[in-house]
Amino acid sequence: TNISSFPRSAVIAGVFVLVFIYVLAASYHIHRVNTEIVKADQGAYISYARQMVATQYDVVGGRNQMPLYPAVVSLVARPGQTAGELFMRAKYLNVALSLVVLFGVFALVRRTVPAFEATTLTLVVAFTVYVYRAGYVQSELVFYGLFFLSFLLALSLLAKPKFSVAALTGAALGVAYL
């Protein structure tokens, strides 16, 4: 079956339904599974983000965490907000980030395979890996997406070496490291 044979409105409606189901499942994890800030390193990311806001981004941190993710989390921090309040906001931010990464994965895969196969791969990744990790304040999902982009760029470098692709691969790997 070719997705392009479906009416555009049906495809858009299908995407909205799947995004709704994804957000609903991730919200379940936010409210029922991931309820403690001390699980894994979430508290450290929250603390780091709060320190960034309190010092107007003049904190160096422990240097044992990716600095880019706490900086992104700090964007949803509000002055006077408790760690618990930021924890809840950051979990929903991570769900939104995971959706952005998933749409990026689809766009990257779609460049090389037909829409049906790209959709299938994206749905498998979304509902077997991402939905279970989306409600956590951790950088893994963004890292997975950036690393996947880096991997595809490295493959294209092997097929057709170009300086611009090499520079882009290095930049993607650098951002993934951050």
N, C-alpha and C. Protein backbone atom coordinates (compact mmCIF):
# COMPACT_ATOMS: atom_id res chain seq x y z
N THR A 1 0.84 -1.18 0.00
CA THR A 1 0.00 0.00 0.00
C THR A 1 0.88 1.23 0.00
N ASN A 2 0.53 2.17 -0.80
CA ASN A 2 1.27 3.41 -0.89
C ASN A 2 0.50 4.50 -0.16
N ILE A 3 1.17 5.18 0.76
CA ILE A 3 0.51 6.23 1.55
C ILE A 3 0.02 7.35 0.66
N SER A 4 0.73 7.63 -0.42
CA SER A 4 0.33 8.73 -1.29
C SER A 4 -1.00 8.45 -2.00
N SER A 5 -1.46 7.19 -1.98
CA SER A 5 -2.75 6.89 -2.60
C SER A 5 -3.92 7.25 -1.69
N PHE A 6 -3.64 7.52 -0.40
CA PHE A 6 -4.69 7.94 0.52
C PHE A 6 -4.95 9.43 0.36
N PRO A 7 -6.18 9.86 0.61
CA PRO A 7 -6.45 11.31 0.57
C PRO A 7 -5.60 12.03 1.62
N ARG A 8 -5.13 13.19 1.27
CA ARG A 8 -4.27 13.97 2.17
C ARG A 8 -4.93 14.19 3.53
N SER A 9 -6.22 14.47 3.55
CA SER A 9 -6.91 14.72 4.82
C SER A 9 -6.92 13.46 5.69
N ALA A 10 -6.98 12.28 5.09
CA ALA A 10 -6.95 11.03 5.86
C ALA A 10 -5.57 10.81 6.47
N VAL A 11 -4.53 11.15 5.73
CA VAL A 11 -3.17 11.01 6.25
C VAL A 11 -2.97 11.97 7.41
N ILE A 12 -3.39 13.22 7.25
CA ILE A 12 -3.26 14.21 8.33
C ILE A 12 -4.05 13.79 9.55
N ALA A 13 -5.27 13.29 9.36
CA ALA A 13 -6.07 12.82 10.48
C ALA A 13 -5.39 11.64 11.17
N GLY A 14 -4.82 10.74 10.38
CA GLY A 14 -4.10 9.60 10.95
C GLY A 14 -2.91 10.03 11.78
N VAL A 15 -2.17 11.03 11.29
CA VAL A 15 -1.03 11.54 12.04
C VAL A 15 -1.50 12.15 13.36
N PHE A 16 -2.57 12.92 13.33
CA PHE A 16 -3.09 13.52 14.56
C PHE A 16 -3.53 12.45 15.56
N VAL A 17 -4.17 11.41 15.10
CA VAL A 17 -4.60 10.32 15.98
C VAL A 17 -3.39 9.63 16.60
N LEU A 18 -2.37 9.34 15.79
CA LEU A 18 -1.18 8.68 16.31
C LEU A 18 -0.42 9.57 17.30
N VAL A 19 -0.34 10.87 17.02
CA VAL A 19 0.31 11.80 17.95
C VAL A 19 -0.49 11.86 19.25
N PHE A 20 -1.80 11.88 19.14
CA PHE A 20 -2.65 11.91 20.34
C PHE A 20 -2.43 10.65 21.20
N ILE A 21 -2.40 9.49 20.56
CA ILE A 21 -2.16 8.24 21.29
C ILE A 21 -0.78 8.26 21.93
N TYR A 22 0.21 8.74 21.21
CA TYR A 22 1.57 8.83 21.73
C TYR A 22 1.63 9.72 22.97
N VAL A 23 1.03 10.91 22.86
CA VAL A 23 1.04 11.86 23.99
C VAL A 23 0.25 11.29 25.17
N LEU A 24 -0.83 10.63 24.89
CA LEU A 24 -1.62 10.00 25.95
C LEU A 24 -0.80 8.93 26.68
N ALA A 25 -0.11 8.09 25.93
CA ALA A 25 0.73 7.05 26.55
C ALA A 25 1.90 7.66 27.31
N ALA A 26 2.52 8.68 26.76
CA ALA A 26 3.63 9.36 27.46
C ALA A 26 3.11 10.04 28.72
N SER A 27 1.92 10.62 28.66
CA SER A 27 1.32 11.25 29.85
C SER A 27 1.04 10.23 30.94
N TYR A 28 0.66 9.04 30.54
CA TYR A 28 0.46 7.97 31.52
C TYR A 28 1.77 7.73 32.27
N HIS A 29 2.85 7.67 31.55
CA HIS A 29 4.16 7.46 32.19
C HIS A 29 4.53 8.64 33.09
N ILE A 30 4.19 9.84 32.65
CA ILE A 30 4.49 11.03 33.46
C ILE A 30 3.77 10.97 34.80
N HIS A 31 2.50 10.60 34.78
CA HIS A 31 1.68 10.67 36.00
C HIS A 31 1.62 9.39 36.79
N ARG A 32 1.91 8.24 36.17
CA ARG A 32 1.76 6.96 36.88
C ARG A 32 3.08 6.21 37.09
N VAL A 33 4.02 6.37 36.20
CA VAL A 33 5.26 5.59 36.27
C VAL A 33 6.42 6.44 36.78
N ASN A 34 6.66 7.57 36.14
CA ASN A 34 7.79 8.43 36.51
C ASN A 34 7.31 9.54 37.44
N THR A 35 7.15 9.19 38.69
CA THR A 35 6.61 10.15 39.65
C THR A 35 7.66 10.67 40.63
N GLU A 36 8.84 10.11 40.60
CA GLU A 36 9.88 10.50 41.55
C GLU A 36 11.05 11.15 40.84
N ILE A 37 11.39 12.33 41.29
CA ILE A 37 12.48 13.08 40.67
C ILE A 37 13.83 12.39 40.88
N VAL A 38 13.92 11.50 41.86
CA VAL A 38 15.20 10.84 42.17
C VAL A 38 15.47 9.63 41.29
N LYS A 39 14.54 9.25 40.42
CA LYS A 39 14.78 8.15 39.50
C LYS A 39 15.84 8.56 38.49
N ALA A 40 16.85 7.73 38.35
CA ALA A 40 17.96 7.96 37.41
C ALA A 40 18.61 9.31 37.72
N ASP A 41 18.93 10.06 36.69
CA ASP A 41 19.63 11.34 36.89
C ASP A 41 18.73 12.55 36.63
N GLN A 42 17.43 12.37 36.73
CA GLN A 42 16.50 13.45 36.45
C GLN A 42 16.68 14.63 37.41
N GLY A 43 16.87 14.30 38.69
CA GLY A 43 17.06 15.36 39.69
C GLY A 43 18.29 16.20 39.39
N ALA A 44 19.33 15.56 38.88
CA ALA A 44 20.55 16.29 38.54
C ALA A 44 20.30 17.26 37.38
N TYR A 45 19.53 16.82 36.38
CA TYR A 45 19.21 17.71 35.26
C TYR A 45 18.35 18.88 35.73
N ILE A 46 17.39 18.61 36.61
CA ILE A 46 16.53 19.68 37.15
C ILE A 46 17.38 20.66 37.95
N SER A 47 18.25 20.14 38.80
CA SER A 47 19.11 20.99 39.62
C SER A 47 20.02 21.85 38.75
N TYR A 48 20.62 21.23 37.75
CA TYR A 48 21.51 21.95 36.84
C TYR A 48 20.74 23.06 36.11
N ALA A 49 19.55 22.77 35.63
CA ALA A 49 18.74 23.76 34.92
C ALA A 49 18.37 24.92 35.86
N ARG A 50 18.02 24.59 37.10
CA ARG A 50 17.67 25.65 38.07
C ARG A 50 18.89 26.51 38.37
N GLN A 51 20.07 25.91 38.46
CA GLN A 51 21.29 26.68 38.70
C GLN A 51 21.59 27.59 37.52
N MET A 52 21.33 27.11 36.32
CA MET A 52 21.54 27.94 35.13
C MET A 52 20.67 29.19 35.19
N VAL A 53 19.41 29.01 35.56
CA VAL A 53 18.49 30.14 35.63
C VAL A 53 18.90 31.08 36.76
N ALA A 54 19.25 30.53 37.92
CA ALA A 54 19.61 31.34 39.08
C ALA A 54 20.86 32.17 38.85
N THR A 55 21.81 31.64 38.07
CA THR A 55 23.08 32.34 37.83
C THR A 55 23.11 33.02 36.46
N GLN A 56 21.99 33.07 35.81
CA GLN A 56 21.89 33.62 34.45
C GLN A 56 22.91 32.95 33.52
N TYR A 57 22.93 31.61 33.60
CA TYR A 57 23.74 30.73 32.76
C TYR A 57 25.25 30.91 32.97
N ASP A 58 25.60 31.30 34.20
CA ASP A 58 27.01 31.48 34.53
C ASP A 58 27.55 30.32 35.37
N VAL A 59 26.84 29.21 35.40
CA VAL A 59 27.27 28.05 36.17
C VAL A 59 27.97 27.07 35.23
N VAL A 60 29.05 26.48 35.71
CA VAL A 60 29.78 25.52 34.90
C VAL A 60 29.18 24.12 35.05
N GLY A 61 28.72 23.80 36.21
CA GLY A 61 28.12 22.49 36.45
C GLY A 61 29.18 21.45 36.77
N GLY A 62 28.74 20.21 36.91
CA GLY A 62 29.63 19.14 37.30
C GLY A 62 30.47 18.60 36.16
N ARG A 63 30.24 19.05 34.95
CA ARG A 63 30.96 18.61 33.76
C ARG A 63 30.82 17.12 33.50
N ASN A 64 29.87 16.51 34.14
CA ASN A 64 29.65 15.09 33.94
C ASN A 64 28.32 14.85 33.24
N GLN A 65 27.69 15.93 32.79
CA GLN A 65 26.41 15.85 32.10
C GLN A 65 26.49 16.65 30.81
N MET A 66 25.62 16.29 29.89
CA MET A 66 25.53 17.05 28.66
C MET A 66 24.99 18.44 29.01
N PRO A 67 25.71 19.51 28.70
CA PRO A 67 25.23 20.85 29.10
C PRO A 67 24.07 21.36 28.25
N LEU A 68 23.89 20.84 27.06
CA LEU A 68 22.84 21.35 26.19
C LEU A 68 21.45 21.01 26.73
N TYR A 69 21.26 19.80 27.23
CA TYR A 69 19.93 19.40 27.70
C TYR A 69 19.46 20.21 28.90
N PRO A 70 20.29 20.40 29.96
CA PRO A 70 19.83 21.25 31.06
C PRO A 70 19.54 22.69 30.60
N ALA A 71 20.29 23.16 29.60
CA ALA A 71 20.02 24.50 29.07
C ALA A 71 18.64 24.55 28.42
N VAL A 72 18.27 23.49 27.72
CA VAL A 72 16.93 23.43 27.11
C VAL A 72 15.87 23.34 28.22
N VAL A 73 16.10 22.52 29.22
CA VAL A 73 15.15 22.40 30.34
C VAL A 73 15.00 23.75 31.05
N SER A 74 16.09 24.49 31.15
CA SER A 74 16.02 25.79 31.84
C SER A 74 15.08 26.77 31.14
N LEU A 75 14.79 26.53 29.87
CA LEU A 75 13.89 27.42 29.14
C LEU A 75 12.46 27.37 29.67
N VAL A 76 12.08 26.27 30.32
CA VAL A 76 10.73 26.17 30.89
C VAL A 76 10.71 26.45 32.38
N ALA A 77 11.87 26.77 32.95
CA ALA A 77 11.95 27.10 34.37
C ALA A 77 11.45 28.53 34.61
N ARG A 78 10.78 28.71 35.72
CA ARG A 78 10.28 30.02 36.11
C ARG A 78 10.88 30.40 37.46
N PRO A 79 11.13 31.69 37.66
CA PRO A 79 11.66 32.12 38.97
C PRO A 79 10.70 31.73 40.10
N GLY A 80 11.26 31.25 41.18
CA GLY A 80 10.46 30.86 42.34
C GLY A 80 9.78 29.51 42.21
N GLN A 81 10.00 28.85 41.11
CA GLN A 81 9.38 27.54 40.86
C GLN A 81 10.11 26.46 41.68
N THR A 82 9.35 25.55 42.25
CA THR A 82 9.95 24.46 43.01
C THR A 82 10.54 23.44 42.04
N ALA A 83 11.39 22.60 42.58
CA ALA A 83 11.99 21.53 41.76
C ALA A 83 10.89 20.61 41.23
N GLY A 84 9.87 20.33 42.05
CA GLY A 84 8.78 19.47 41.62
C GLY A 84 7.97 20.07 40.48
N GLU A 85 7.74 21.38 40.54
CA GLU A 85 7.01 22.05 39.45
C GLU A 85 7.81 22.03 38.15
N LEU A 86 9.11 22.29 38.26
CA LEU A 86 9.96 22.23 37.07
C LEU A 86 10.05 20.80 36.54
N PHE A 87 10.08 19.84 37.44
CA PHE A 87 10.11 18.44 37.04
C PHE A 87 8.92 18.11 36.15
N MET A 88 7.73 18.55 36.52
CA MET A 88 6.53 18.27 35.73
C MET A 88 6.60 18.98 34.37
N ARG A 89 6.98 20.24 34.37
CA ARG A 89 7.08 20.99 33.11
C ARG A 89 8.14 20.37 32.20
N ALA A 90 9.26 19.96 32.78
CA ALA A 90 10.35 19.39 31.99
C ALA A 90 9.96 18.04 31.39
N LYS A 91 9.13 17.27 32.09
CA LYS A 91 8.67 15.99 31.53
C LYS A 91 7.84 16.24 30.28
N TYR A 92 6.96 17.22 30.33
CA TYR A 92 6.16 17.53 29.15
C TYR A 92 7.01 18.14 28.03
N LEU A 93 8.03 18.92 28.41
CA LEU A 93 8.96 19.43 27.42
C LEU A 93 9.64 18.27 26.70
N ASN A 94 10.03 17.24 27.45
CA ASN A 94 10.71 16.11 26.83
C ASN A 94 9.77 15.34 25.89
N VAL A 95 8.50 15.28 26.22
CA VAL A 95 7.53 14.65 25.31
C VAL A 95 7.49 15.45 24.00
N ALA A 96 7.45 16.77 24.11
CA ALA A 96 7.44 17.61 22.91
C ALA A 96 8.73 17.44 22.11
N LEU A 97 9.87 17.41 22.80
CA LEU A 97 11.15 17.19 22.12
C LEU A 97 11.18 15.84 21.42
N SER A 98 10.62 14.83 22.08
CA SER A 98 10.62 13.50 21.46
C SER A 98 9.79 13.49 20.18
N LEU A 99 8.69 14.23 20.16
CA LEU A 99 7.88 14.31 18.94
C LEU A 99 8.65 15.02 17.82
N VAL A 100 9.38 16.07 18.17
CA VAL A 100 10.19 16.77 17.17
C VAL A 100 11.23 15.82 16.59
N VAL A 101 11.89 15.05 17.47
CA VAL A 101 12.91 14.10 17.02
C VAL A 101 12.28 13.03 16.13
N LEU A 102 11.11 12.54 16.52
CA LEU A 102 10.45 11.51 15.72
C LEU A 102 10.05 12.03 14.33
N PHE A 103 9.56 13.25 14.26
CA PHE A 103 9.25 13.82 12.95
C PHE A 103 10.54 14.00 12.14
N GLY A 104 11.64 14.36 12.82
CA GLY A 104 12.93 14.45 12.15
C GLY A 104 13.40 13.11 11.63
N VAL A 105 13.23 12.06 12.43
CA VAL A 105 13.59 10.70 12.01
C VAL A 105 12.79 10.33 10.76
N PHE A 106 11.49 10.61 10.79
CA PHE A 106 10.66 10.31 9.62
C PHE A 106 11.18 11.05 8.39
N ALA A 107 11.47 12.34 8.55
CA ALA A 107 11.94 13.13 7.41
C ALA A 107 13.26 12.60 6.87
N LEU A 108 14.16 12.20 7.77
CA LEU A 108 15.45 11.66 7.33
C LEU A 108 15.28 10.33 6.59
N VAL A 109 14.46 9.46 7.16
CA VAL A 109 14.26 8.15 6.55
C VAL A 109 13.50 8.29 5.24
N ARG A 110 12.57 9.20 5.20
CA ARG A 110 11.74 9.41 4.00
C ARG A 110 12.57 9.83 2.80
N ARG A 111 13.72 10.41 3.04
CA ARG A 111 14.59 10.83 1.93
C ARG A 111 15.13 9.65 1.13
N THR A 112 15.14 8.46 1.76
CA THR A 112 15.75 7.31 1.08
C THR A 112 14.79 6.14 0.84
N VAL A 113 13.68 6.10 1.54
CA VAL A 113 12.74 4.99 1.35
C VAL A 113 11.33 5.55 1.14
N PRO A 114 10.43 4.74 0.58
CA PRO A 114 9.05 5.21 0.37
C PRO A 114 8.34 5.56 1.69
N ALA A 115 7.27 6.31 1.56
CA ALA A 115 6.54 6.83 2.72
C ALA A 115 6.04 5.72 3.65
N PHE A 116 5.55 4.62 3.08
CA PHE A 116 5.01 3.55 3.92
C PHE A 116 6.09 2.96 4.83
N GLU A 117 7.26 2.69 4.25
CA GLU A 117 8.37 2.12 5.02
C GLU A 117 8.89 3.12 6.05
N ALA A 118 8.98 4.39 5.67
CA ALA A 118 9.43 5.43 6.61
C ALA A 118 8.44 5.57 7.76
N THR A 119 7.15 5.51 7.45
CA THR A 119 6.12 5.59 8.50
C THR A 119 6.21 4.39 9.43
N THR A 120 6.37 3.21 8.85
CA THR A 120 6.46 1.99 9.66
C THR A 120 7.65 2.06 10.61
N LEU A 121 8.81 2.43 10.10
CA LEU A 121 10.00 2.53 10.95
C LEU A 121 9.80 3.56 12.05
N THR A 122 9.24 4.71 11.71
CA THR A 122 9.02 5.75 12.71
C THR A 122 8.04 5.30 13.78
N LEU A 123 6.98 4.61 13.39
CA LEU A 123 6.01 4.13 14.37
C LEU A 123 6.62 3.06 15.28
N VAL A 124 7.44 2.19 14.73
CA VAL A 124 8.11 1.17 15.55
C VAL A 124 9.01 1.85 16.58
N VAL A 125 9.81 2.81 16.13
CA VAL A 125 10.69 3.54 17.06
C VAL A 125 9.86 4.30 18.10
N ALA A 126 8.80 4.95 17.65
CA ALA A 126 7.98 5.76 18.56
C ALA A 126 7.32 4.92 19.64
N PHE A 127 6.74 3.78 19.25
CA PHE A 127 5.94 3.02 20.21
C PHE A 127 6.68 1.85 20.87
N THR A 128 7.94 1.63 20.52
CA THR A 128 8.70 0.59 21.23
C THR A 128 9.83 1.17 22.07
N VAL A 129 10.28 2.38 21.73
CA VAL A 129 11.38 2.99 22.49
C VAL A 129 10.97 4.34 23.06
N TYR A 130 10.60 5.25 22.19
CA TYR A 130 10.42 6.64 22.60
C TYR A 130 9.28 6.86 23.59
N VAL A 131 8.16 6.25 23.38
CA VAL A 131 7.01 6.52 24.25
C VAL A 131 7.31 6.16 25.70
N TYR A 132 8.14 5.17 25.92
CA TYR A 132 8.47 4.75 27.28
C TYR A 132 9.49 5.66 27.94
N ARG A 133 10.26 6.40 27.16
CA ARG A 133 11.30 7.29 27.71
C ARG A 133 10.92 8.76 27.60
N ALA A 134 9.85 9.08 26.89
CA ALA A 134 9.50 10.48 26.63
C ALA A 134 9.16 11.24 27.89
N GLY A 135 8.58 10.59 28.87
CA GLY A 135 8.16 11.27 30.09
C GLY A 135 9.23 11.40 31.15
N TYR A 136 10.48 11.20 30.77
CA TYR A 136 11.59 11.32 31.71
C TYR A 136 12.43 12.55 31.37
N VAL A 137 12.96 13.19 32.38
CA VAL A 137 13.80 14.36 32.18
C VAL A 137 15.23 13.87 31.99
N GLN A 138 15.48 13.37 30.79
CA GLN A 138 16.78 12.83 30.43
C GLN A 138 17.05 13.15 28.97
N SER A 139 18.30 13.18 28.63
CA SER A 139 18.71 13.62 27.29
C SER A 139 18.76 12.50 26.26
N GLU A 140 18.45 11.28 26.64
CA GLU A 140 18.66 10.14 25.76
C GLU A 140 17.93 10.24 24.42
N LEU A 141 16.67 10.64 24.43
CA LEU A 141 15.90 10.64 23.19
C LEU A 141 16.44 11.65 22.19
N VAL A 142 16.84 12.81 22.68
CA VAL A 142 17.45 13.81 21.80
C VAL A 142 18.78 13.27 21.28
N PHE A 143 19.55 12.62 22.16
CA PHE A 143 20.82 12.04 21.75
C PHE A 143 20.60 10.97 20.68
N TYR A 144 19.61 10.10 20.87
CA TYR A 144 19.33 9.05 19.88
C TYR A 144 19.06 9.67 18.52
N GLY A 145 18.26 10.73 18.49
CA GLY A 145 17.95 11.39 17.22
C GLY A 145 19.16 12.01 16.57
N LEU A 146 19.98 12.71 17.38
CA LEU A 146 21.19 13.34 16.84
C LEU A 146 22.20 12.30 16.38
N PHE A 147 22.30 11.22 17.13
CA PHE A 147 23.24 10.17 16.74
C PHE A 147 22.77 9.48 15.45
N PHE A 148 21.47 9.29 15.31
CA PHE A 148 20.93 8.71 14.07
C PHE A 148 21.24 9.61 12.88
N LEU A 149 21.06 10.91 13.06
CA LEU A 149 21.41 11.86 12.01
C LEU A 149 22.90 11.75 11.67
N SER A 150 23.73 11.69 12.70
CA SER A 150 25.18 11.56 12.49
C SER A 150 25.52 10.28 11.75
N PHE A 151 24.84 9.20 12.11
CA PHE A 151 25.07 7.91 11.46
C PHE A 151 24.72 7.99 9.97
N LEU A 152 23.57 8.57 9.66
CA LEU A 152 23.18 8.70 8.25
C LEU A 152 24.15 9.59 7.48
N LEU A 153 24.61 10.66 8.12
CA LEU A 153 25.58 11.53 7.46
C LEU A 153 26.89 10.79 7.22
N ALA A 154 27.32 9.98 8.19
CA ALA A 154 28.55 9.21 8.03
C ALA A 154 28.40 8.19 6.89
N LEU A 155 27.23 7.57 6.80
CA LEU A 155 27.00 6.64 5.69
C LEU A 155 27.08 7.34 4.34
N SER A 156 26.49 8.54 4.27
CA SER A 156 26.54 9.27 3.01
C SER A 156 27.97 9.71 2.69
N LEU A 157 28.77 9.95 3.73
CA LEU A 157 30.18 10.27 3.53
C LEU A 157 30.94 9.10 2.91
N LEU A 158 30.60 7.90 3.35
CA LEU A 158 31.24 6.70 2.79
C LEU A 158 30.87 6.52 1.33
N ALA A 159 29.62 6.81 1.01
CA ALA A 159 29.15 6.63 -0.37
C ALA A 159 29.71 7.70 -1.30
N LYS A 160 29.77 8.94 -0.81
CA LYS A 160 30.21 10.05 -1.66
C LYS A 160 30.89 11.10 -0.78
N PRO A 161 32.19 10.97 -0.57
CA PRO A 161 32.90 11.90 0.31
C PRO A 161 32.85 13.34 -0.20
N LYS A 162 32.44 14.24 0.67
CA LYS A 162 32.40 15.66 0.37
C LYS A 162 32.79 16.41 1.64
N PHE A 163 33.48 17.51 1.48
CA PHE A 163 33.89 18.30 2.64
C PHE A 163 32.68 18.83 3.40
N SER A 164 31.67 19.31 2.69
CA SER A 164 30.50 19.89 3.36
C SER A 164 29.77 18.84 4.20
N VAL A 165 29.66 17.61 3.70
CA VAL A 165 29.00 16.55 4.46
C VAL A 165 29.86 16.15 5.65
N ALA A 166 31.19 16.16 5.47
CA ALA A 166 32.10 15.84 6.58
C ALA A 166 31.96 16.89 7.69
N ALA A 167 31.88 18.15 7.32
CA ALA A 167 31.73 19.23 8.30
C ALA A 167 30.38 19.10 9.02
N LEU A 168 29.34 18.81 8.26
CA LEU A 168 28.01 18.64 8.86
C LEU A 168 27.98 17.43 9.79
N THR A 169 28.65 16.36 9.42
CA THR A 169 28.74 15.17 10.27
C THR A 169 29.44 15.50 11.57
N GLY A 170 30.55 16.22 11.48
CA GLY A 170 31.27 16.62 12.67
C GLY A 170 30.44 17.53 13.56
N ALA A 171 29.71 18.45 12.96
CA ALA A 171 28.86 19.35 13.74
C ALA A 171 27.74 18.57 14.43
N ALA A 172 27.12 17.63 13.72
CA ALA A 172 26.04 16.82 14.31
C ALA A 172 26.57 15.98 15.46
N LEU A 173 27.76 15.39 15.29
CA LEU A 173 28.35 14.60 16.37
C LEU A 173 28.71 15.49 17.55
N GLY A 174 29.20 16.71 17.28
CA GLY A 174 29.51 17.65 18.36
C GLY A 174 28.29 18.04 19.16
N VAL A 175 27.19 18.32 18.47
CA VAL A 175 25.94 18.67 19.17
C VAL A 175 25.41 17.46 19.93
N ALA A 176 25.54 16.27 19.35
CA ALA A 176 25.11 15.05 20.05
C ALA A 176 25.91 14.87 21.33
N TYR A 177 27.18 15.18 21.29
CA TYR A 177 28.02 15.08 22.48
C TYR A 177 27.58 16.08 23.54
N LEU A 178 27.20 17.28 23.11
CA LEU A 178 26.72 18.30 24.05
C LEU A 178 25.35 17.95 24.57
